[in-house]
PDB file of N, CA and C in Angstrom:
ATOM      1  N   MET A   1     165.377 114.508  84.001  1.00  0.00           N
ATOM      2  CA  MET A   1     164.051 114.221  83.606  1.00  0.00           C
ATOM      3  C   MET A   1     163.493 115.444  82.870  1.00  0.00           C
ATOM      4  N   CYS A   2     163.018 115.269  81.689  1.00  0.00           N
ATOM      5  CA  CYS A   2     162.622 116.441  80.844  1.00  0.00           C
ATOM      6  C   CYS A   2     161.204 116.877  81.174  1.00  0.00           C
ATOM      7  N   CYS A   3     160.379 115.975  81.920  1.00  0.00           N
ATOM      8  CA  CYS A   3     159.043 116.351  82.230  1.00  0.00           C
ATOM      9  C   CYS A   3     158.803 115.901  83.634  1.00  0.00           C
ATOM     10  N   PRO A   4     158.208 116.807  84.447  1.00  0.00           N
ATOM     11  CA  PRO A   4     157.786 116.446  85.865  1.00  0.00           C
ATOM     12  C   PRO A   4     156.721 115.401  85.933  1.00  0.00           C
ATOM     13  N   VAL A   5     156.830 114.502  86.776  1.00  0.00           N
ATOM     14  CA  VAL A   5     155.865 113.416  86.809  1.00  0.00           C
ATOM     15  C   VAL A   5     154.519 113.888  87.220  1.00  0.00           C
ATOM     16  N   TRP A   6     154.423 114.929  87.984  1.00  0.00           N
ATOM     17  CA  TRP A   6     153.145 115.486  88.544  1.00  0.00           C
ATOM     18  C   TRP A   6     152.345 116.037  87.391  1.00  0.00           C
ATOM     19  N   GLN A   7     152.995 116.408  86.264  1.00  0.00           N
ATOM     20  CA  GLN A   7     152.253 117.009  85.156  1.00  0.00           C
ATOM     21  C   GLN A   7     151.376 115.854  84.469  1.00  0.00           C
ATOM     22  N   ILE A   8     151.641 114.642  84.820  1.00  0.00           N
ATOM     23  CA  ILE A   8     150.853 113.535  84.185  1.00  0.00           C
ATOM     24  C   ILE A   8     149.377 113.789  84.448  1.00  0.00           C
ATOM     25  N   LYS A   9     149.088 114.498  85.463  1.00  0.00           N
ATOM     26  CA  LYS A   9     147.676 114.722  85.816  1.00  0.00           C
ATOM     27  C   LYS A   9     147.038 115.805  84.898  1.00  0.00           C
ATOM     28  N   THR A  10     147.875 116.341  84.106  1.00  0.00           N
ATOM     29  CA  THR A  10     147.311 117.392  83.215  1.00  0.00           C
ATOM     30  C   THR A  10     146.937 116.691  81.866  1.00  0.00           C
ATOM     31  N   GLN A  11     146.328 117.479  80.985  1.00  0.00           N
ATOM     32  CA  GLN A  11     145.865 116.927  79.659  1.00  0.00           C
ATOM     33  C   GLN A  11     147.073 116.590  78.804  1.00  0.00           C
ATOM     34  N   GLN A  12     148.203 117.085  79.224  1.00  0.00           N
ATOM     35  CA  GLN A  12     149.418 116.780  78.385  1.00  0.00           C
ATOM     36  C   GLN A  12     150.067 115.450  78.831  1.00  0.00           C
ATOM     37  N   ASN A  13     149.287 114.577  79.527  1.00  0.00           N
ATOM     38  CA  ASN A  13     149.833 113.372  80.118  1.00  0.00           C
ATOM     39  C   ASN A  13     150.406 112.551  78.995  1.00  0.00           C
ATOM     40  N   PHE A  14     149.916 112.617  77.776  1.00  0.00           N
ATOM     41  CA  PHE A  14     150.442 111.814  76.675  1.00  0.00           C
ATOM     42  C   PHE A  14     151.775 112.247  76.303  1.00  0.00           C
ATOM     43  N   GLU A  15     151.961 113.546  76.173  1.00  0.00           N
ATOM     44  CA  GLU A  15     153.313 114.064  75.824  1.00  0.00           C
ATOM     45  C   GLU A  15     154.313 113.779  76.887  1.00  0.00           C
ATOM     46  N   ILE A  16     153.928 113.845  78.171  1.00  0.00           N
ATOM     47  CA  ILE A  16     154.812 113.580  79.270  1.00  0.00           C
ATOM     48  C   ILE A  16     155.160 112.007  79.255  1.00  0.00           C
ATOM     49  N   LEU A  17     154.184 111.251  79.033  1.00  0.00           N
ATOM     50  CA  LEU A  17     154.417 109.764  79.035  1.00  0.00           C
ATOM     51  C   LEU A  17     155.387 109.457  77.911  1.00  0.00           C
ATOM     52  N   PHE A  18     155.193 110.012  76.777  1.00  0.00           N
ATOM     53  CA  PHE A  18     156.121 109.771  75.545  1.00  0.00           C
ATOM     54  C   PHE A  18     157.478 110.275  75.920  1.00  0.00           C
ATOM     55  N   CYS A  19     157.588 111.421  76.660  1.00  0.00           N
ATOM     56  CA  CYS A  19     158.808 112.001  77.063  1.00  0.00           C
ATOM     57  C   CYS A  19     159.569 110.975  77.941  1.00  0.00           C
ATOM     58  N   HIS A  20     158.849 110.394  78.922  1.00  0.00           N
ATOM     59  CA  HIS A  20     159.581 109.391  79.771  1.00  0.00           C
ATOM     60  C   HIS A  20     159.986 108.141  79.063  1.00  0.00           C
ATOM     61  N   LEU A  21     159.154 107.835  78.102  1.00  0.00           N
ATOM     62  CA  LEU A  21     159.483 106.659  77.278  1.00  0.00           C
ATOM     63  C   LEU A  21     160.782 106.875  76.497  1.00  0.00           C
ATOM     64  N   THR A  22     160.934 108.160  76.094  1.00  0.00           N
ATOM     65  CA  THR A  22     162.086 108.470  75.249  1.00  0.00           C
ATOM     66  C   THR A  22     163.340 108.498  76.067  1.00  0.00           C
ATOM     67  N   ILE A  23     163.300 109.063  77.282  1.00  0.00           N
ATOM     68  CA  ILE A  23     164.434 109.154  78.176  1.00  0.00           C
ATOM     69  C   ILE A  23     164.801 107.771  78.833  1.00  0.00           C
ATOM     70  N   SER A  24     163.835 106.903  78.781  1.00  0.00           N
ATOM     71  CA  SER A  24     164.147 105.629  79.424  1.00  0.00           C
ATOM     72  C   SER A  24     165.064 104.808  78.656  1.00  0.00           C
TER      73      SER A  24
END
């Protein structure tokens, strides 16, 4: 996992979401 799920609570939630979509 390139991005921790807990970081979704941050303002970078979009980047993290995109990251999860990429690794999926």
